[in-house]
PDB file of all heavy atoms in Angstrom:
ATOM      1  N   GLU A   1     114.845  26.912 121.539  1.00  0.00           N
ATOM      2  CA  GLU A   1     115.974  26.156 122.079  1.00  0.00           C
ATOM      3  C   GLU A   1     117.289  26.659 121.448  1.00  0.00           C
ATOM      4  O   GLU A   1     118.271  26.804 122.164  1.00  0.00           O
ATOM      5  CB  GLU A   1     115.789  24.652 121.831  1.00  0.00           C
ATOM      6  CG  GLU A   1     114.703  24.000 122.618  1.00  0.00           C
ATOM      7  CD  GLU A   1     113.346  24.072 121.930  1.00  0.00           C
ATOM      8  OE1 GLU A   1     113.307  24.521 120.731  1.00  0.00           O
ATOM      9  OE2 GLU A   1     112.351  23.732 122.534  1.00  0.00           O
ATOM     10  N   GLU A   2     117.284  26.907 120.145  1.00  0.00           N
ATOM     11  CA  GLU A   2     118.452  27.367 119.463  1.00  0.00           C
ATOM     12  C   GLU A   2     118.877  28.732 119.912  1.00  0.00           C
ATOM     13  O   GLU A   2     120.031  29.068 120.120  1.00  0.00           O
ATOM     14  CB  GLU A   2     118.257  27.337 117.960  1.00  0.00           C
ATOM     15  CG  GLU A   2     118.178  25.980 117.352  1.00  0.00           C
ATOM     16  CD  GLU A   2     116.806  25.278 117.442  1.00  0.00           C
ATOM     17  OE1 GLU A   2     115.873  25.864 118.097  1.00  0.00           O
ATOM     18  OE2 GLU A   2     116.641  24.176 116.892  1.00  0.00           O
ATOM     19  N   SER A   3     117.843  29.627 120.139  1.00  0.00           N
ATOM     20  CA  SER A   3     118.098  30.927 120.631  1.00  0.00           C
ATOM     21  C   SER A   3     118.715  30.939 122.011  1.00  0.00           C
ATOM     22  O   SER A   3     119.727  31.618 122.271  1.00  0.00           O
ATOM     23  CB  SER A   3     116.800  31.749 120.676  1.00  0.00           C
ATOM     24  OG  SER A   3     116.226  31.879 119.368  1.00  0.00           O
ATOM     25  N   ALA A   4     118.173  30.099 122.883  1.00  0.00           N
ATOM     26  CA  ALA A   4     118.722  30.010 124.271  1.00  0.00           C
ATOM     27  C   ALA A   4     120.133  29.452 124.245  1.00  0.00           C
ATOM     28  O   ALA A   4     120.978  29.928 124.952  1.00  0.00           O
ATOM     29  CB  ALA A   4     117.784  29.092 125.121  1.00  0.00           C
ATOM     30  N   GLU A   5     120.372  28.426 123.410  1.00  0.00           N
ATOM     31  CA  GLU A   5     121.744  27.823 123.338  1.00  0.00           C
ATOM     32  C   GLU A   5     122.722  28.840 122.769  1.00  0.00           C
ATOM     33  O   GLU A   5     123.879  28.905 123.274  1.00  0.00           O
ATOM     34  CB  GLU A   5     121.713  26.580 122.529  1.00  0.00           C
ATOM     35  CG  GLU A   5     123.076  25.906 122.414  1.00  0.00           C
ATOM     36  CD  GLU A   5     123.786  25.648 123.759  1.00  0.00           C
ATOM     37  OE1 GLU A   5     123.094  25.393 124.767  1.00  0.00           O
ATOM     38  OE2 GLU A   5     125.024  25.715 123.795  1.00  0.00           O
ATOM     39  N   PHE A   6     122.326  29.592 121.796  1.00  0.00           N
ATOM     40  CA  PHE A   6     123.221  30.636 121.305  1.00  0.00           C
ATOM     41  C   PHE A   6     123.649  31.596 122.402  1.00  0.00           C
ATOM     42  O   PHE A   6     124.820  31.910 122.560  1.00  0.00           O
ATOM     43  CB  PHE A   6     122.581  31.417 120.099  1.00  0.00           C
ATOM     44  CG  PHE A   6     123.557  32.440 119.547  1.00  0.00           C
ATOM     45  CD1 PHE A   6     124.425  32.091 118.545  1.00  0.00           C
ATOM     46  CD2 PHE A   6     123.578  33.735 120.048  1.00  0.00           C
ATOM     47  CE1 PHE A   6     125.327  33.002 118.015  1.00  0.00           C
ATOM     48  CE2 PHE A   6     124.482  34.667 119.544  1.00  0.00           C
ATOM     49  CZ  PHE A   6     125.335  34.278 118.522  1.00  0.00           C
ATOM     50  N   ALA A   7     122.672  32.069 123.138  1.00  0.00           N
ATOM     51  CA  ALA A   7     122.934  33.051 124.212  1.00  0.00           C
ATOM     52  C   ALA A   7     123.781  32.440 125.304  1.00  0.00           C
ATOM     53  O   ALA A   7     124.730  33.020 125.763  1.00  0.00           O
ATOM     54  CB  ALA A   7     121.627  33.564 124.778  1.00  0.00           C
ATOM     55  N   ARG A   8     123.501  31.171 125.653  1.00  0.00           N
ATOM     56  CA  ARG A   8     124.290  30.529 126.749  1.00  0.00           C
ATOM     57  C   ARG A   8     125.719  30.362 126.334  1.00  0.00           C
ATOM     58  O   ARG A   8     126.627  30.456 127.207  1.00  0.00           O
ATOM     59  CB  ARG A   8     123.686  29.156 127.064  1.00  0.00           C
ATOM     60  CG  ARG A   8     122.492  29.158 127.994  1.00  0.00           C
ATOM     61  CD  ARG A   8     122.143  27.791 128.532  1.00  0.00           C
ATOM     62  NE  ARG A   8     121.641  26.906 127.478  1.00  0.00           N
ATOM     63  CZ  ARG A   8     120.381  26.788 127.098  1.00  0.00           C
ATOM     64  NH1 ARG A   8     119.478  27.490 127.717  1.00  0.00           N
ATOM     65  NH2 ARG A   8     120.082  25.972 126.157  1.00  0.00           N
ATOM     66  N   SER A   9     125.996  30.114 125.106  1.00  0.00           N
ATOM     67  CA  SER A   9     127.379  29.844 124.639  1.00  0.00           C
ATOM     68  C   SER A   9     128.057  31.094 124.054  1.00  0.00           C
ATOM     69  O   SER A   9     129.221  30.996 123.642  1.00  0.00           O
ATOM     70  CB  SER A   9     127.393  28.708 123.586  1.00  0.00           C
ATOM     71  OG  SER A   9     126.662  29.069 122.483  1.00  0.00           O
ATOM     72  N   ALA A  10     127.386  32.211 123.996  1.00  0.00           N
ATOM     73  CA  ALA A  10     127.933  33.399 123.286  1.00  0.00           C
ATOM     74  C   ALA A  10     129.270  33.868 123.930  1.00  0.00           C
ATOM     75  O   ALA A  10     130.238  34.089 123.136  1.00  0.00           O
ATOM     76  CB  ALA A  10     126.923  34.520 123.310  1.00  0.00           C
ATOM     77  N   ARG A  11     129.372  33.979 125.188  1.00  0.00           N
ATOM     78  CA  ARG A  11     130.650  34.428 125.805  1.00  0.00           C
ATOM     79  C   ARG A  11     131.741  33.468 125.476  1.00  0.00           C
ATOM     80  O   ARG A  11     132.835  33.805 125.119  1.00  0.00           O
ATOM     81  CB  ARG A  11     130.442  34.574 127.307  1.00  0.00           C
ATOM     82  CG  ARG A  11     131.659  35.150 128.031  1.00  0.00           C
ATOM     83  CD  ARG A  11     131.489  35.215 129.533  1.00  0.00           C
ATOM     84  NE  ARG A  11     130.318  35.917 129.924  1.00  0.00           N
ATOM     85  CZ  ARG A  11     130.262  37.267 130.100  1.00  0.00           C
ATOM     86  NH1 ARG A  11     131.287  38.002 129.847  1.00  0.00           N
ATOM     87  NH2 ARG A  11     129.105  37.836 130.487  1.00  0.00           N
ATOM     88  N   ARG A  12     131.451  32.173 125.646  1.00  0.00           N
ATOM     89  CA  ARG A  12     132.461  31.147 125.363  1.00  0.00           C
ATOM     90  C   ARG A  12     132.925  31.153 123.865  1.00  0.00           C
ATOM     91  O   ARG A  12     134.054  30.827 123.577  1.00  0.00           O
ATOM     92  CB  ARG A  12     131.823  29.772 125.712  1.00  0.00           C
ATOM     93  CG  ARG A  12     132.769  28.567 125.578  1.00  0.00           C
ATOM     94  CD  ARG A  12     132.100  27.277 126.120  1.00  0.00           C
ATOM     95  NE  ARG A  12     130.870  26.939 125.461  1.00  0.00           N
ATOM     96  CZ  ARG A  12     129.653  26.935 126.024  1.00  0.00           C
ATOM     97  NH1 ARG A  12     129.504  27.382 127.248  1.00  0.00           N
ATOM     98  NH2 ARG A  12     128.588  26.558 125.348  1.00  0.00           N
ATOM     99  N   ASN A  13     131.997  31.601 123.006  1.00  0.00           N
ATOM    100  CA  ASN A  13     132.301  31.659 121.605  1.00  0.00           C
ATOM    101  C   ASN A  13     132.904  33.013 121.162  1.00  0.00           C
ATOM    102  O   ASN A  13     132.999  33.311 119.980  1.00  0.00           O
ATOM    103  CB  ASN A  13     131.041  31.369 120.784  1.00  0.00           C
ATOM    104  CG  ASN A  13     130.691  29.886 120.897  1.00  0.00           C
ATOM    105  OD1 ASN A  13     131.551  29.026 121.065  1.00  0.00           O
ATOM    106  ND2 ASN A  13     129.400  29.610 120.845  1.00  0.00           N
ATOM    107  N   GLY A  14     133.283  33.837 122.079  1.00  0.00           N
ATOM    108  CA  GLY A  14     134.003  35.060 121.782  1.00  0.00           C
ATOM    109  C   GLY A  14     133.214  36.325 121.552  1.00  0.00           C
ATOM    110  O   GLY A  14     133.741  37.325 121.127  1.00  0.00           O
ATOM    111  N   PHE A  15     131.963  36.259 121.898  1.00  0.00           N
ATOM    112  CA  PHE A  15     131.145  37.458 121.744  1.00  0.00           C
ATOM    113  C   PHE A  15     131.217  38.334 123.008  1.00  0.00           C
ATOM    114  O   PHE A  15     131.349  37.808 124.096  1.00  0.00           O
ATOM    115  CB  PHE A  15     129.638  37.058 121.511  1.00  0.00           C
ATOM    116  CG  PHE A  15     129.426  36.375 120.204  1.00  0.00           C
ATOM    117  CD1 PHE A  15     129.386  35.013 120.090  1.00  0.00           C
ATOM    118  CD2 PHE A  15     129.300  37.134 119.018  1.00  0.00           C
ATOM    119  CE1 PHE A  15     129.204  34.363 118.864  1.00  0.00           C
ATOM    120  CE2 PHE A  15     129.163  36.527 117.765  1.00  0.00           C
ATOM    121  CZ  PHE A  15     129.115  35.162 117.729  1.00  0.00           C
ATOM    122  N   GLY A  16     131.021  39.658 122.797  1.00  0.00           N
ATOM    123  CA  GLY A  16     131.075  40.560 123.891  1.00  0.00           C
ATOM    124  C   GLY A  16     129.764  41.338 124.061  1.00  0.00           C
ATOM    125  O   GLY A  16     129.514  41.933 125.061  1.00  0.00           O
ATOM    126  N   VAL A  17     128.922  41.220 123.017  1.00  0.00           N
ATOM    127  CA  VAL A  17     127.623  41.919 123.041  1.00  0.00           C
ATOM    128  C   VAL A  17     126.754  41.275 121.983  1.00  0.00           C
ATOM    129  O   VAL A  17     127.184  40.727 121.026  1.00  0.00           O
ATOM    130  CB  VAL A  17     127.808  43.424 122.762  1.00  0.00           C
ATOM    131  CG1 VAL A  17     128.363  43.677 121.368  1.00  0.00           C
ATOM    132  CG2 VAL A  17     126.545  44.210 122.935  1.00  0.00           C
ATOM    133  N   ILE A  18     125.420  41.330 122.294  1.00  0.00           N
ATOM    134  CA  ILE A  18     124.414  40.774 121.349  1.00  0.00           C
ATOM    135  C   ILE A  18     123.412  41.858 120.959  1.00  0.00           C
ATOM    136  O   ILE A  18     122.850  42.504 121.877  1.00  0.00           O
ATOM    137  CB  ILE A  18     123.653  39.595 121.983  1.00  0.00           C
ATOM    138  CG1 ILE A  18     124.636  38.459 122.341  1.00  0.00           C
ATOM    139  CG2 ILE A  18     122.536  39.050 121.063  1.00  0.00           C
ATOM    140  CD1 ILE A  18     124.010  37.324 123.173  1.00  0.00           C
ATOM    141  N   LEU A  19     123.173  42.063 119.713  1.00  0.00           N
ATOM    142  CA  LEU A  19     122.105  42.915 119.200  1.00  0.00           C
ATOM    143  C   LEU A  19     120.999  42.014 118.713  1.00  0.00           C
ATOM    144  O   LEU A  19     121.242  41.060 118.027  1.00  0.00           O
ATOM    145  CB  LEU A  19     122.628  43.756 118.066  1.00  0.00           C
ATOM    146  CG  LEU A  19     123.565  44.911 118.369  1.00  0.00           C
ATOM    147  CD1 LEU A  19     124.941  44.351 118.770  1.00  0.00           C
ATOM    148  CD2 LEU A  19     123.708  45.852 117.186  1.00  0.00           C
ATOM    149  N   ALA A  20     119.746  42.332 119.118  1.00  0.00           N
ATOM    150  CA  ALA A  20     118.609  41.479 118.768  1.00  0.00           C
ATOM    151  C   ALA A  20     117.501  42.340 118.170  1.00  0.00           C
ATOM    152  O   ALA A  20     116.952  43.184 118.801  1.00  0.00           O
ATOM    153  CB  ALA A  20     118.120  40.763 120.030  1.00  0.00           C
ATOM    154  N   ALA A  21     117.206  42.056 116.887  1.00  0.00           N
ATOM    155  CA  ALA A  21     116.172  42.821 116.144  1.00  0.00           C
ATOM    156  C   ALA A  21     114.911  41.982 116.001  1.00  0.00           C
ATOM    157  O   ALA A  21     115.016  40.829 115.541  1.00  0.00           O
ATOM    158  CB  ALA A  21     116.704  43.223 114.830  1.00  0.00           C
ATOM    159  N   ALA A  22     113.817  42.576 116.394  1.00  0.00           N
ATOM    160  CA  ALA A  22     112.526  41.826 116.226  1.00  0.00           C
ATOM    161  C   ALA A  22     111.369  42.841 116.163  1.00  0.00           C
ATOM    162  O   ALA A  22     111.454  43.921 116.773  1.00  0.00           O
ATOM    163  CB  ALA A  22     112.316  40.845 117.392  1.00  0.00           C
ATOM    164  N   GLY A  23     110.315  42.454 115.481  1.00  0.00           N
ATOM    165  CA  GLY A  23     109.122  43.245 115.360  1.00  0.00           C
ATOM    166  C   GLY A  23     107.988  42.634 116.155  1.00  0.00           C
ATOM    167  O   GLY A  23     108.124  41.539 116.769  1.00  0.00           O
ATOM    168  N   LYS A  24     106.871  43.306 116.127  1.00  0.00           N
ATOM    169  CA  LYS A  24     105.629  42.906 116.806  1.00  0.00           C
ATOM    170  C   LYS A  24     105.823  42.576 118.266  1.00  0.00           C
ATOM    171  O   LYS A  24     106.243  43.462 119.031  1.00  0.00           O
ATOM    172  CB  LYS A  24     104.931  41.724 116.043  1.00  0.00           C
ATOM    173  CG  LYS A  24     104.534  42.154 114.636  1.00  0.00           C
ATOM    174  CD  LYS A  24     103.776  41.041 113.951  1.00  0.00           C
ATOM    175  CE  LYS A  24     103.434  41.538 112.523  1.00  0.00           C
ATOM    176  NZ  LYS A  24     102.846  40.506 111.722  1.00  0.00           N
ATOM    177  N   ALA A  25     105.698  41.318 118.706  1.00  0.00           N
ATOM    178  CA  ALA A  25     105.814  40.973 120.118  1.00  0.00           C
ATOM    179  C   ALA A  25     107.280  41.186 120.577  1.00  0.00           C
ATOM    180  O   ALA A  25     107.500  41.428 121.775  1.00  0.00           O
ATOM    181  CB  ALA A  25     105.350  39.545 120.353  1.00  0.00           C
ATOM    182  N   ALA A  26     108.230  41.072 119.717  1.00  0.00           N
ATOM    183  CA  ALA A  26     109.654  41.375 119.950  1.00  0.00           C
ATOM    184  C   ALA A  26     110.174  40.753 121.255  1.00  0.00           C
ATOM    185  O   ALA A  26     110.839  41.412 122.052  1.00  0.00           O
ATOM    186  CB  ALA A  26     109.791  42.886 119.960  1.00  0.00           C
ATOM    187  N   HIS A  27     110.007  39.469 121.415  1.00  0.00           N
ATOM    188  CA  HIS A  27     110.533  38.806 122.596  1.00  0.00           C
ATOM    189  C   HIS A  27     111.983  38.329 122.456  1.00  0.00           C
ATOM    190  O   HIS A  27     112.576  37.914 123.401  1.00  0.00           O
ATOM    191  CB  HIS A  27     109.669  37.572 122.918  1.00  0.00           C
ATOM    192  CG  HIS A  27     108.257  37.927 123.373  1.00  0.00           C
ATOM    193  ND1 HIS A  27     107.189  37.423 122.786  1.00  0.00           N
ATOM    194  CD2 HIS A  27     107.844  38.788 124.341  1.00  0.00           C
ATOM    195  CE1 HIS A  27     106.117  37.941 123.336  1.00  0.00           C
ATOM    196  NE2 HIS A  27     106.493  38.766 124.249  1.00  0.00           N
ATOM    197  N   LEU A  28     112.564  38.467 121.256  1.00  0.00           N
ATOM    198  CA  LEU A  28     113.926  37.916 121.063  1.00  0.00           C
ATOM    199  C   LEU A  28     114.960  38.441 121.971  1.00  0.00           C
ATOM    200  O   LEU A  28     115.686  37.681 122.582  1.00  0.00           O
ATOM    201  CB  LEU A  28     114.291  38.152 119.556  1.00  0.00           C
ATOM    202  CG  LEU A  28     115.643  37.540 119.149  1.00  0.00           C
ATOM    203  CD1 LEU A  28     115.634  35.993 119.341  1.00  0.00           C
ATOM    204  CD2 LEU A  28     115.893  37.906 117.650  1.00  0.00           C
ATOM    205  N   ALA A  29     115.024  39.734 122.144  1.00  0.00           N
ATOM    206  CA  ALA A  29     116.065  40.326 122.998  1.00  0.00           C
ATOM    207  C   ALA A  29     115.903  39.820 124.444  1.00  0.00           C
ATOM    208  O   ALA A  29     116.895  39.443 125.065  1.00  0.00           O
ATOM    209  CB  ALA A  29     115.989  41.877 122.952  1.00  0.00           C
ATOM    210  N   GLY A  30     114.707  39.760 124.894  1.00  0.00           N
ATOM    211  CA  GLY A  30     114.473  39.238 126.247  1.00  0.00           C
ATOM    212  C   GLY A  30     114.800  37.798 126.446  1.00  0.00           C
ATOM    213  O   GLY A  30     115.365  37.395 127.455  1.00  0.00           O
ATOM    214  N   VAL A  31     114.483  36.963 125.470  1.00  0.00           N
ATOM    215  CA  VAL A  31     114.830  35.558 125.510  1.00  0.00           C
ATOM    216  C   VAL A  31     116.353  35.387 125.546  1.00  0.00           C
ATOM    217  O   VAL A  31     116.892  34.606 126.338  1.00  0.00           O
ATOM    218  CB  VAL A  31     114.193  34.765 124.314  1.00  0.00           C
ATOM    219  CG1 VAL A  31     114.825  33.391 124.171  1.00  0.00           C
ATOM    220  CG2 VAL A  31     112.719  34.659 124.508  1.00  0.00           C
ATOM    221  N   LEU A  32     117.060  36.134 124.707  1.00  0.00           N
ATOM    222  CA  LEU A  32     118.520  36.049 124.705  1.00  0.00           C
ATOM    223  C   LEU A  32     119.083  36.535 126.026  1.00  0.00           C
ATOM    224  O   LEU A  32     119.933  35.895 126.574  1.00  0.00           O
ATOM    225  CB  LEU A  32     119.104  36.844 123.517  1.00  0.00           C
ATOM    226  CG  LEU A  32     118.721  36.323 122.130  1.00  0.00           C
ATOM    227  CD1 LEU A  32     119.125  37.324 121.060  1.00  0.00           C
ATOM    228  CD2 LEU A  32     119.355  34.959 121.872  1.00  0.00           C
ATOM    229  N   ALA A  33     118.573  37.635 126.526  1.00  0.00           N
ATOM    230  CA  ALA A  33     119.086  38.202 127.803  1.00  0.00           C
ATOM    231  C   ALA A  33     118.820  37.263 129.001  1.00  0.00           C
ATOM    232  O   ALA A  33     119.594  37.248 129.906  1.00  0.00           O
ATOM    233  CB  ALA A  33     118.408  39.554 128.074  1.00  0.00           C
ATOM    234  N   ALA A  34     117.738  36.460 128.889  1.00  0.00           N
ATOM    235  CA  ALA A  34     117.433  35.514 129.963  1.00  0.00           C
ATOM    236  C   ALA A  34     118.455  34.386 130.040  1.00  0.00           C
ATOM    237  O   ALA A  34     118.575  33.715 131.051  1.00  0.00           O
ATOM    238  CB  ALA A  34     116.046  34.941 129.737  1.00  0.00           C
TER     239      ALA A  34
END
């Protein structure tokens, strides 16, 4: 939930790009991109 909320509000909070680092199943980048 926190990951999704961060991504949903990222543009509004002044971000222009997100880098997502993860190992093994590495779903973090995909969850943020969704």
